[in-house]
């Protein structure tokens, strides 16, 4: 599923001006976002739970309990790789005056 239009619409509903950054062969951030005071670049990453994790979450929530997710971000797991790649994409964007968001 393409989440970019959903994220763009959400940010615009909050009053931000949102521009999709044109993709080329060098991976760059997804959006340039601005308001009256600040500008940001956003790299959108998604991560979804496995079917087993979804079943566990549903079971816990259906019982009325609070479901907690504990996932370590260490240098050698998939999540850290996703975050590292997002950071690389954000660093490639030339403007130094922007706040960078993942």
PDB file of N, CA and C in Angstrom:
ATOM      1  N   UNK A   1       0.843  -1.177   0.000  1.00  0.00           N
ATOM      2  CA  UNK A   1       0.000   0.000   0.000  1.00  0.00           C
ATOM      3  C   UNK A   1       0.895   1.250   0.000  1.00  0.00           C
ATOM      4  N   UNK A   2       0.501   2.240  -0.760  1.00  0.00           N
ATOM      5  CA  UNK A   2       1.252   3.490  -0.854  1.00  0.00           C
ATOM      6  C   UNK A   2       0.769   4.448   0.238  1.00  0.00           C
ATOM      7  N   UNK A   3       1.598   4.665   1.247  1.00  0.00           N
ATOM      8  CA  UNK A   3       1.218   5.511   2.370  1.00  0.00           C
ATOM      9  C   UNK A   3       1.532   6.991   2.154  1.00  0.00           C
ATOM     10  N   UNK A   4       2.283   7.314   1.109  1.00  0.00           N
ATOM     11  CA  UNK A   4       2.659   8.708   0.886  1.00  0.00           C
ATOM     12  C   UNK A   4       1.456   9.642   0.747  1.00  0.00           C
ATOM     13  N   UNK A   5       0.428   9.297  -0.051  1.00  0.00           N
ATOM     14  CA  UNK A   5      -0.723  10.208  -0.136  1.00  0.00           C
ATOM     15  C   UNK A   5      -1.436  10.408   1.202  1.00  0.00           C
ATOM     16  N   UNK A   6      -1.492   9.359   2.002  1.00  0.00           N
ATOM     17  CA  UNK A   6      -2.148   9.452   3.312  1.00  0.00           C
ATOM     18  C   UNK A   6      -1.370  10.392   4.227  1.00  0.00           C
ATOM     19  N   UNK A   7      -0.041  10.238   4.255  1.00  0.00           N
ATOM     20  CA  UNK A   7       0.806  11.088   5.092  1.00  0.00           C
ATOM     21  C   UNK A   7       0.726  12.536   4.618  1.00  0.00           C
ATOM     22  N   UNK A   8       0.772  12.741   3.306  1.00  0.00           N
ATOM     23  CA  UNK A   8       0.681  14.091   2.740  1.00  0.00           C
ATOM     24  C   UNK A   8      -0.637  14.749   3.136  1.00  0.00           C
ATOM     25  N   UNK A   9      -1.736  14.040   2.975  1.00  0.00           N
ATOM     26  CA  UNK A   9      -3.051  14.578   3.334  1.00  0.00           C
ATOM     27  C   UNK A   9      -3.137  14.893   4.826  1.00  0.00           C
ATOM     28  N   UNK A  10      -2.597  14.022   5.668  1.00  0.00           N
ATOM     29  CA  UNK A  10      -2.610  14.260   7.106  1.00  0.00           C
ATOM     30  C   UNK A  10      -1.847  15.526   7.466  1.00  0.00           C
ATOM     31  N   UNK A  11      -0.629  15.668   6.938  1.00  0.00           N
ATOM     32  CA  UNK A  11       0.180  16.850   7.249  1.00  0.00           C
ATOM     33  C   UNK A  11      -0.486  18.128   6.734  1.00  0.00           C
ATOM     34  N   UNK A  12      -1.086  18.067   5.558  1.00  0.00           N
ATOM     35  CA  UNK A  12      -1.792  19.235   5.024  1.00  0.00           C
ATOM     36  C   UNK A  12      -3.006  19.588   5.888  1.00  0.00           C
ATOM     37  N   UNK A  13      -3.662  18.579   6.451  1.00  0.00           N
ATOM     38  CA  UNK A  13      -4.811  18.847   7.328  1.00  0.00           C
ATOM     39  C   UNK A  13      -4.389  19.563   8.605  1.00  0.00           C
ATOM     40  N   UNK A  14      -3.105  19.451   8.954  1.00  0.00           N
ATOM     41  CA  UNK A  14      -2.565  20.154  10.123  1.00  0.00           C
ATOM     42  C   UNK A  14      -2.072  21.557   9.767  1.00  0.00           C
ATOM     43  N   UNK A  15      -2.189  21.925   8.494  1.00  0.00           N
ATOM     44  CA  UNK A  15      -1.811  23.262   8.055  1.00  0.00           C
ATOM     45  C   UNK A  15      -0.441  23.383   7.433  1.00  0.00           C
ATOM     46  N   UNK A  16       0.246  22.272   7.224  1.00  0.00           N
ATOM     47  CA  UNK A  16       1.570  22.311   6.609  1.00  0.00           C
ATOM     48  C   UNK A  16       1.445  22.348   5.085  1.00  0.00           C
ATOM     49  N   UNK A  17       2.427  22.971   4.449  1.00  0.00           N
ATOM     50  CA  UNK A  17       2.569  22.885   2.999  1.00  0.00           C
ATOM     51  C   UNK A  17       3.483  21.695   2.744  1.00  0.00           C
ATOM     52  N   UNK A  18       3.038  20.766   1.905  1.00  0.00           N
ATOM     53  CA  UNK A  18       3.774  19.514   1.696  1.00  0.00           C
ATOM     54  C   UNK A  18       4.041  19.335   0.209  1.00  0.00           C
ATOM     55  N   UNK A  19       5.317  19.164  -0.133  1.00  0.00           N
ATOM     56  CA  UNK A  19       5.714  18.900  -1.511  1.00  0.00           C
ATOM     57  C   UNK A  19       6.402  17.549  -1.578  1.00  0.00           C
ATOM     58  N   UNK A  20       6.009  16.742  -2.552  1.00  0.00           N
ATOM     59  CA  UNK A  20       6.695  15.476  -2.806  1.00  0.00           C
ATOM     60  C   UNK A  20       8.024  15.788  -3.487  1.00  0.00           C
ATOM     61  N   UNK A  21       9.112  15.262  -2.966  1.00  0.00           N
ATOM     62  CA  UNK A  21      10.420  15.457  -3.570  1.00  0.00           C
ATOM     63  C   UNK A  21      10.563  14.452  -4.713  1.00  0.00           C
ATOM     64  N   UNK A  22      10.929  14.955  -5.879  1.00  0.00           N
ATOM     65  CA  UNK A  22      11.065  14.109  -7.060  1.00  0.00           C
ATOM     66  C   UNK A  22      12.126  13.049  -6.837  1.00  0.00           C
ATOM     67  N   UNK A  23      11.771  11.822  -7.164  1.00  0.00           N
ATOM     68  CA  UNK A  23      12.700  10.712  -6.992  1.00  0.00           C
ATOM     69  C   UNK A  23      13.603  10.596  -8.206  1.00  0.00           C
ATOM     70  N   UNK A  24      14.861  10.314  -7.957  1.00  0.00           N
ATOM     71  CA  UNK A  24      15.796  10.016  -9.037  1.00  0.00           C
ATOM     72  C   UNK A  24      16.627   8.818  -8.608  1.00  0.00           C
ATOM     73  N   UNK A  25      17.709   8.538  -9.329  1.00  0.00           N
ATOM     74  CA  UNK A  25      18.496   7.356  -8.979  1.00  0.00           C
ATOM     75  C   UNK A  25      19.201   7.453  -7.634  1.00  0.00           C
ATOM     76  N   UNK A  26      19.471   8.681  -7.163  1.00  0.00           N
ATOM     77  CA  UNK A  26      20.013   8.823  -5.806  1.00  0.00           C
ATOM     78  C   UNK A  26      18.829   8.931  -4.858  1.00  0.00           C
ATOM     79  N   UNK A  27      18.813   8.077  -3.883  1.00  0.00           N
ATOM     80  CA  UNK A  27      17.676   8.062  -2.970  1.00  0.00           C
ATOM     81  C   UNK A  27      17.671   9.324  -2.125  1.00  0.00           C
ATOM     82  N   UNK A  28      16.537  10.014  -2.112  1.00  0.00           N
ATOM     83  CA  UNK A  28      16.395  11.264  -1.369  1.00  0.00           C
ATOM     84  C   UNK A  28      15.188  11.148  -0.443  1.00  0.00           C
ATOM     85  N   UNK A  29      14.999  12.129   0.440  1.00  0.00           N
ATOM     86  CA  UNK A  29      13.814  12.105   1.299  1.00  0.00           C
ATOM     87  C   UNK A  29      12.530  12.160   0.463  1.00  0.00           C
ATOM     88  N   UNK A  30      11.417  11.860   1.092  1.00  0.00           N
ATOM     89  CA  UNK A  30      10.140  11.806   0.383  1.00  0.00           C
ATOM     90  C   UNK A  30       9.438  13.153   0.273  1.00  0.00           C
ATOM     91  N   UNK A  31       9.495  13.959   1.347  1.00  0.00           N
ATOM     92  CA  UNK A  31       8.713  15.186   1.371  1.00  0.00           C
ATOM     93  C   UNK A  31       9.512  16.382   1.867  1.00  0.00           C
ATOM     94  N   UNK A  32       9.179  17.546   1.330  1.00  0.00           N
ATOM     95  CA  UNK A  32       9.610  18.832   1.860  1.00  0.00           C
ATOM     96  C   UNK A  32       8.370  19.445   2.490  1.00  0.00           C
ATOM     97  N   UNK A  33       8.444  19.749   3.763  1.00  0.00           N
ATOM     98  CA  UNK A  33       7.290  20.215   4.538  1.00  0.00           C
ATOM     99  C   UNK A  33       7.639  21.575   5.119  1.00  0.00           C
ATOM    100  N   UNK A  34       6.679  22.496   5.105  1.00  0.00           N
ATOM    101  CA  UNK A  34       6.946  23.809   5.692  1.00  0.00           C
ATOM    102  C   UNK A  34       5.689  24.380   6.338  1.00  0.00           C
ATOM    103  N   UNK A  35       5.937  25.280   7.270  1.00  0.00           N
ATOM    104  CA  UNK A  35       4.870  26.078   7.858  1.00  0.00           C
ATOM    105  C   UNK A  35       5.372  27.519   7.889  1.00  0.00           C
ATOM    106  N   UNK A  36       4.772  28.364   8.684  1.00  0.00           N
ATOM    107  CA  UNK A  36       5.164  29.774   8.709  1.00  0.00           C
ATOM    108  C   UNK A  36       6.541  30.012   9.313  1.00  0.00           C
ATOM    109  N   UNK A  37       7.057  29.047  10.061  1.00  0.00           N
ATOM    110  CA  UNK A  37       8.328  29.249  10.758  1.00  0.00           C
ATOM    111  C   UNK A  37       9.458  28.333  10.308  1.00  0.00           C
ATOM    112  N   UNK A  38       9.148  27.089   9.995  1.00  0.00           N
ATOM    113  CA  UNK A  38      10.191  26.098   9.799  1.00  0.00           C
ATOM    114  C   UNK A  38       9.974  25.298   8.518  1.00  0.00           C
ATOM    115  N   UNK A  39      11.042  24.662   8.084  1.00  0.00           N
ATOM    116  CA  UNK A  39      10.981  23.718   6.966  1.00  0.00           C
ATOM    117  C   UNK A  39      11.614  22.404   7.407  1.00  0.00           C
ATOM    118  N   UNK A  40      11.092  21.321   6.873  1.00  0.00           N
ATOM    119  CA  UNK A  40      11.512  19.984   7.263  1.00  0.00           C
ATOM    120  C   UNK A  40      11.656  19.124   6.017  1.00  0.00           C
ATOM    121  N   UNK A  41      12.480  18.105   6.088  1.00  0.00           N
ATOM    122  CA  UNK A  41      12.444  17.030   5.107  1.00  0.00           C
ATOM    123  C   UNK A  41      12.055  15.765   5.860  1.00  0.00           C
ATOM    124  N   UNK A  42      11.244  14.955   5.218  1.00  0.00           N
ATOM    125  CA  UNK A  42      10.718  13.745   5.836  1.00  0.00           C
ATOM    126  C   UNK A  42      11.022  12.550   4.954  1.00  0.00           C
ATOM    127  N   UNK A  43      11.616  11.538   5.536  1.00  0.00           N
ATOM    128  CA  UNK A  43      11.776  10.247   4.869  1.00  0.00           C
ATOM    129  C   UNK A  43      10.775   9.305   5.518  1.00  0.00           C
ATOM    130  N   UNK A  44       9.838   8.824   4.736  1.00  0.00           N
ATOM    131  CA  UNK A  44       8.784   7.953   5.237  1.00  0.00           C
ATOM    132  C   UNK A  44       9.248   6.502   5.174  1.00  0.00           C
ATOM    133  N   UNK A  45       9.217   5.839   6.300  1.00  0.00           N
ATOM    134  CA  UNK A  45       9.511   4.411   6.387  1.00  0.00           C
ATOM    135  C   UNK A  45       8.338   3.748   7.087  1.00  0.00           C
ATOM    136  N   UNK A  46       8.000   2.555   6.651  1.00  0.00           N
ATOM    137  CA  UNK A  46       6.933   1.803   7.302  1.00  0.00           C
ATOM    138  C   UNK A  46       7.474   0.462   7.753  1.00  0.00           C
ATOM    139  N   UNK A  47       6.960  -0.011   8.860  1.00  0.00           N
ATOM    140  CA  UNK A  47       7.310  -1.335   9.367  1.00  0.00           C
ATOM    141  C   UNK A  47       6.056  -1.910   9.991  1.00  0.00           C
ATOM    142  N   UNK A  48       5.719  -3.108   9.611  1.00  0.00           N
ATOM    143  CA  UNK A  48       4.491  -3.722  10.078  1.00  0.00           C
ATOM    144  C   UNK A  48       4.790  -4.990  10.854  1.00  0.00           C
ATOM    145  N   UNK A  49       3.952  -5.296  11.829  1.00  0.00           N
ATOM    146  CA  UNK A  49       4.161  -6.517  12.604  1.00  0.00           C
ATOM    147  C   UNK A  49       3.855  -7.764  11.778  1.00  0.00           C
ATOM    148  N   UNK A  50       4.444  -8.874  12.203  1.00  0.00           N
ATOM    149  CA  UNK A  50       4.160 -10.159  11.561  1.00  0.00           C
ATOM    150  C   UNK A  50       2.732 -10.577  11.915  1.00  0.00           C
ATOM    151  N   UNK A  51       2.226 -11.586  11.212  1.00  0.00           N
ATOM    152  CA  UNK A  51       0.871 -12.064  11.499  1.00  0.00           C
ATOM    153  C   UNK A  51       0.771 -12.599  12.929  1.00  0.00           C
ATOM    154  N   UNK A  52       1.845 -13.222  13.426  1.00  0.00           N
ATOM    155  CA  UNK A  52       1.837 -13.711  14.811  1.00  0.00           C
ATOM    156  C   UNK A  52       1.757 -12.546  15.800  1.00  0.00           C
ATOM    157  N   UNK A  53       2.505 -11.487  15.510  1.00  0.00           N
ATOM    158  CA  UNK A  53       2.458 -10.305  16.387  1.00  0.00           C
ATOM    159  C   UNK A  53       1.080  -9.664  16.359  1.00  0.00           C
ATOM    160  N   UNK A  54       0.450  -9.626  15.191  1.00  0.00           N
ATOM    161  CA  UNK A  54      -0.901  -9.065  15.080  1.00  0.00           C
ATOM    162  C   UNK A  54      -1.909  -9.887  15.879  1.00  0.00           C
ATOM    163  N   UNK A  55      -1.798 -11.200  15.783  1.00  0.00           N
ATOM    164  CA  UNK A  55      -2.694 -12.078  16.547  1.00  0.00           C
ATOM    165  C   UNK A  55      -2.519 -11.869  18.041  1.00  0.00           C
ATOM    166  N   UNK A  56      -1.266 -11.779  18.490  1.00  0.00           N
ATOM    167  CA  UNK A  56      -0.993 -11.552  19.908  1.00  0.00           C
ATOM    168  C   UNK A  56      -1.555 -10.202  20.352  1.00  0.00           C
ATOM    169  N   UNK A  57      -1.340  -9.166  19.559  1.00  0.00           N
ATOM    170  CA  UNK A  57      -1.846  -7.839  19.906  1.00  0.00           C
ATOM    171  C   UNK A  57      -3.367  -7.858  19.996  1.00  0.00           C
ATOM    172  N   UNK A  58      -4.030  -8.477  19.033  1.00  0.00           N
ATOM    173  CA  UNK A  58      -5.495  -8.554  19.047  1.00  0.00           C
ATOM    174  C   UNK A  58      -5.994  -9.285  20.283  1.00  0.00           C
ATOM    175  N   UNK A  59      -5.359 -10.398  20.601  1.00  0.00           N
ATOM    176  CA  UNK A  59      -5.756 -11.178  21.785  1.00  0.00           C
ATOM    177  C   UNK A  59      -5.634 -10.347  23.052  1.00  0.00           C
ATOM    178  N   UNK A  60      -4.512  -9.648  23.202  1.00  0.00           N
ATOM    179  CA  UNK A  60      -4.276  -8.838  24.409  1.00  0.00           C
ATOM    180  C   UNK A  60      -5.266  -7.677  24.478  1.00  0.00           C
ATOM    181  N   UNK A  61      -5.441  -6.968  23.373  1.00  0.00           N
ATOM    182  CA  UNK A  61      -6.351  -5.821  23.375  1.00  0.00           C
ATOM    183  C   UNK A  61      -7.801  -6.252  23.577  1.00  0.00           C
ATOM    184  N   UNK A  62      -8.195  -7.366  22.981  1.00  0.00           N
ATOM    185  CA  UNK A  62      -9.564  -7.876  23.154  1.00  0.00           C
ATOM    186  C   UNK A  62      -9.845  -8.283  24.590  1.00  0.00           C
ATOM    187  N   UNK A  63      -8.795  -8.621  25.332  1.00  0.00           N
ATOM    188  CA  UNK A  63      -8.977  -8.986  26.734  1.00  0.00           C
ATOM    189  C   UNK A  63      -9.052  -7.748  27.637  1.00  0.00           C
ATOM    190  N   UNK A  64      -8.880  -6.575  27.053  1.00  0.00           N
ATOM    191  CA  UNK A  64      -8.955  -5.338  27.829  1.00  0.00           C
ATOM    192  C   UNK A  64      -7.627  -4.892  28.405  1.00  0.00           C
ATOM    193  N   UNK A  65      -6.572  -5.594  28.088  1.00  0.00           N
ATOM    194  CA  UNK A  65      -5.246  -5.264  28.594  1.00  0.00           C
ATOM    195  C   UNK A  65      -4.531  -4.301  27.653  1.00  0.00           C
ATOM    196  N   UNK A  66      -3.393  -3.799  28.102  1.00  0.00           N
ATOM    197  CA  UNK A  66      -2.549  -2.913  27.299  1.00  0.00           C
ATOM    198  C   UNK A  66      -1.502  -3.770  26.603  1.00  0.00           C
ATOM    199  N   UNK A  67      -1.356  -3.555  25.310  1.00  0.00           N
ATOM    200  CA  UNK A  67      -0.362  -4.302  24.543  1.00  0.00           C
ATOM    201  C   UNK A  67       0.902  -3.464  24.410  1.00  0.00           C
ATOM    202  N   UNK A  68       2.018  -4.029  24.801  1.00  0.00           N
ATOM    203  CA  UNK A  68       3.309  -3.350  24.696  1.00  0.00           C
ATOM    204  C   UNK A  68       4.130  -3.970  23.585  1.00  0.00           C
ATOM    205  N   UNK A  69       4.899  -3.130  22.911  1.00  0.00           N
ATOM    206  CA  UNK A  69       5.825  -3.617  21.895  1.00  0.00           C
ATOM    207  C   UNK A  69       7.225  -3.247  22.354  1.00  0.00           C
ATOM    208  N   UNK A  70       8.072  -4.238  22.441  1.00  0.00           N
ATOM    209  CA  UNK A  70       9.460  -4.025  22.824  1.00  0.00           C
ATOM    210  C   UNK A  70      10.338  -4.519  21.684  1.00  0.00           C
ATOM    211  N   UNK A  71      11.021  -3.603  21.043  1.00  0.00           N
ATOM    212  CA  UNK A  71      11.913  -3.999  19.955  1.00  0.00           C
ATOM    213  C   UNK A  71      13.195  -3.193  20.087  1.00  0.00           C
ATOM    214  N   UNK A  72      14.284  -3.892  20.259  1.00  0.00           N
ATOM    215  CA  UNK A  72      15.566  -3.234  20.400  1.00  0.00           C
ATOM    216  C   UNK A  72      16.052  -2.710  19.054  1.00  0.00           C
ATOM    217  N   UNK A  73      16.647  -1.546  19.088  1.00  0.00           N
ATOM    218  CA  UNK A  73      17.295  -1.012  17.894  1.00  0.00           C
ATOM    219  C   UNK A  73      18.793  -1.130  18.149  1.00  0.00           C
ATOM    220  N   UNK A  74      19.371  -2.178  17.588  1.00  0.00           N
ATOM    221  CA  UNK A  74      20.800  -2.397  17.730  1.00  0.00           C
ATOM    222  C   UNK A  74      21.422  -2.371  16.343  1.00  0.00           C
ATOM    223  N   UNK A  75      22.723  -2.277  16.269  1.00  0.00           N
ATOM    224  CA  UNK A  75      23.408  -2.104  14.993  1.00  0.00           C
ATOM    225  C   UNK A  75      23.246  -3.261  14.015  1.00  0.00           C
ATOM    226  N   UNK A  76      22.754  -4.392  14.459  1.00  0.00           N
ATOM    227  CA  UNK A  76      22.756  -5.560  13.577  1.00  0.00           C
ATOM    228  C   UNK A  76      21.364  -6.097  13.269  1.00  0.00           C
ATOM    229  N   UNK A  77      20.306  -5.348  13.539  1.00  0.00           N
ATOM    230  CA  UNK A  77      18.998  -5.891  13.191  1.00  0.00           C
ATOM    231  C   UNK A  77      18.350  -5.098  12.067  1.00  0.00           C
ATOM    232  N   UNK A  78      17.232  -5.609  11.555  1.00  0.00           N
ATOM    233  CA  UNK A  78      16.566  -5.030  10.387  1.00  0.00           C
ATOM    234  C   UNK A  78      16.104  -3.596  10.661  1.00  0.00           C
ATOM    235  N   UNK A  79      15.571  -3.346  11.832  1.00  0.00           N
ATOM    236  CA  UNK A  79      15.063  -2.005  12.158  1.00  0.00           C
ATOM    237  C   UNK A  79      16.182  -0.973  12.137  1.00  0.00           C
ATOM    238  N   UNK A  80      17.330  -1.318  12.667  1.00  0.00           N
ATOM    239  CA  UNK A  80      18.444  -0.364  12.648  1.00  0.00           C
ATOM    240  C   UNK A  80      18.899  -0.100  11.213  1.00  0.00           C
ATOM    241  N   UNK A  81      18.819  -1.108  10.348  1.00  0.00           N
ATOM    242  CA  UNK A  81      19.177  -0.919   8.942  1.00  0.00           C
ATOM    243  C   UNK A  81      18.224   0.035   8.237  1.00  0.00           C
ATOM    244  N   UNK A  82      16.940  -0.081   8.547  1.00  0.00           N
ATOM    245  CA  UNK A  82      15.937   0.825   7.968  1.00  0.00           C
ATOM    246  C   UNK A  82      16.198   2.251   8.423  1.00  0.00           C
ATOM    247  N   UNK A  83      16.481   2.424   9.693  1.00  0.00           N
ATOM    248  CA  UNK A  83      16.741   3.757  10.239  1.00  0.00           C
ATOM    249  C   UNK A  83      18.036   4.329   9.658  1.00  0.00           C
ATOM    250  N   UNK A  84      19.047   3.496   9.530  1.00  0.00           N
ATOM    251  CA  UNK A  84      20.325   3.948   8.965  1.00  0.00           C
ATOM    252  C   UNK A  84      20.135   4.417   7.515  1.00  0.00           C
ATOM    253  N   UNK A  85      19.378   3.661   6.730  1.00  0.00           N
ATOM    254  CA  UNK A  85      19.118   4.040   5.344  1.00  0.00           C
ATOM    255  C   UNK A  85      18.347   5.363   5.282  1.00  0.00           C
ATOM    256  N   UNK A  86      17.361   5.532   6.139  1.00  0.00           N
ATOM    257  CA  UNK A  86      16.610   6.793   6.179  1.00  0.00           C
ATOM    258  C   UNK A  86      17.531   7.961   6.512  1.00  0.00           C
ATOM    259  N   UNK A  87      18.427   7.760   7.466  1.00  0.00           N
ATOM    260  CA  UNK A  87      19.386   8.807   7.817  1.00  0.00           C
ATOM    261  C   UNK A  87      20.286   9.169   6.653  1.00  0.00           C
ATOM    262  N   UNK A  88      20.725   8.169   5.916  1.00  0.00           N
ATOM    263  CA  UNK A  88      21.560   8.427   4.728  1.00  0.00           C
ATOM    264  C   UNK A  88      20.795   9.247   3.695  1.00  0.00           C
ATOM    265  N   UNK A  89      19.531   8.911   3.476  1.00  0.00           N
ATOM    266  CA  UNK A  89      18.723   9.643   2.512  1.00  0.00           C
ATOM    267  C   UNK A  89      18.540  11.103   2.950  1.00  0.00           C
ATOM    268  N   UNK A  90      18.323  11.307   4.234  1.00  0.00           N
ATOM    269  CA  UNK A  90      18.134  12.670   4.742  1.00  0.00           C
ATOM    270  C   UNK A  90      19.414  13.489   4.635  1.00  0.00           C
ATOM    271  N   UNK A  91      20.558  12.853   4.881  1.00  0.00           N
ATOM    272  CA  UNK A  91      21.835  13.572   4.792  1.00  0.00           C
ATOM    273  C   UNK A  91      22.162  13.988   3.363  1.00  0.00           C
ATOM    274  N   UNK A  92      21.661  13.266   2.384  1.00  0.00           N
ATOM    275  CA  UNK A  92      21.927  13.606   0.986  1.00  0.00           C
ATOM    276  C   UNK A  92      21.209  14.877   0.536  1.00  0.00           C
ATOM    277  N   UNK A  93      20.198  15.296   1.278  1.00  0.00           N
ATOM    278  CA  UNK A  93      19.463  16.503   0.898  1.00  0.00           C
ATOM    279  C   UNK A  93      20.318  17.706   1.279  1.00  0.00           C
ATOM    280  N   UNK A  94      20.606  18.589   0.328  1.00  0.00           N
ATOM    281  CA  UNK A  94      21.637  19.607   0.479  1.00  0.00           C
ATOM    282  C   UNK A  94      21.379  20.710   1.502  1.00  0.00           C
ATOM    283  N   UNK A  95      20.162  21.135   1.671  1.00  0.00           N
ATOM    284  CA  UNK A  95      19.887  22.305   2.509  1.00  0.00           C
ATOM    285  C   UNK A  95      20.202  22.020   3.974  1.00  0.00           C
ATOM    286  N   UNK A  96      21.090  22.812   4.553  1.00  0.00           N
ATOM    287  CA  UNK A  96      21.510  22.603   5.948  1.00  0.00           C
ATOM    288  C   UNK A  96      20.542  23.185   6.967  1.00  0.00           C
ATOM    289  N   UNK A  97      19.600  24.019   6.526  1.00  0.00           N
ATOM    290  CA  UNK A  97      18.703  24.718   7.439  1.00  0.00           C
ATOM    291  C   UNK A  97      17.422  23.951   7.732  1.00  0.00           C
ATOM    292  N   UNK A  98      17.351  22.711   7.324  1.00  0.00           N
ATOM    293  CA  UNK A  98      16.124  21.938   7.478  1.00  0.00           C
ATOM    294  C   UNK A  98      16.222  20.952   8.634  1.00  0.00           C
ATOM    295  N   UNK A  99      15.107  20.764   9.306  1.00  0.00           N
ATOM    296  CA  UNK A  99      15.011  19.705  10.292  1.00  0.00           C
ATOM    297  C   UNK A  99      14.694  18.417   9.538  1.00  0.00           C
ATOM    298  N   UNK A 100      15.386  17.351   9.880  1.00  0.00           N
ATOM    299  CA  UNK A 100      15.219  16.084   9.176  1.00  0.00           C
ATOM    300  C   UNK A 100      14.443  15.104  10.053  1.00  0.00           C
ATOM    301  N   UNK A 101      13.410  14.488   9.460  1.00  0.00           N
ATOM    302  CA  UNK A 101      12.516  13.593  10.206  1.00  0.00           C
ATOM    303  C   UNK A 101      12.399  12.237   9.511  1.00  0.00           C
ATOM    304  N   UNK A 102      12.330  11.177  10.303  1.00  0.00           N
ATOM    305  CA  UNK A 102      12.037   9.837   9.775  1.00  0.00           C
ATOM    306  C   UNK A 102      10.678   9.460  10.307  1.00  0.00           C
TER     307      UNK A 102
END
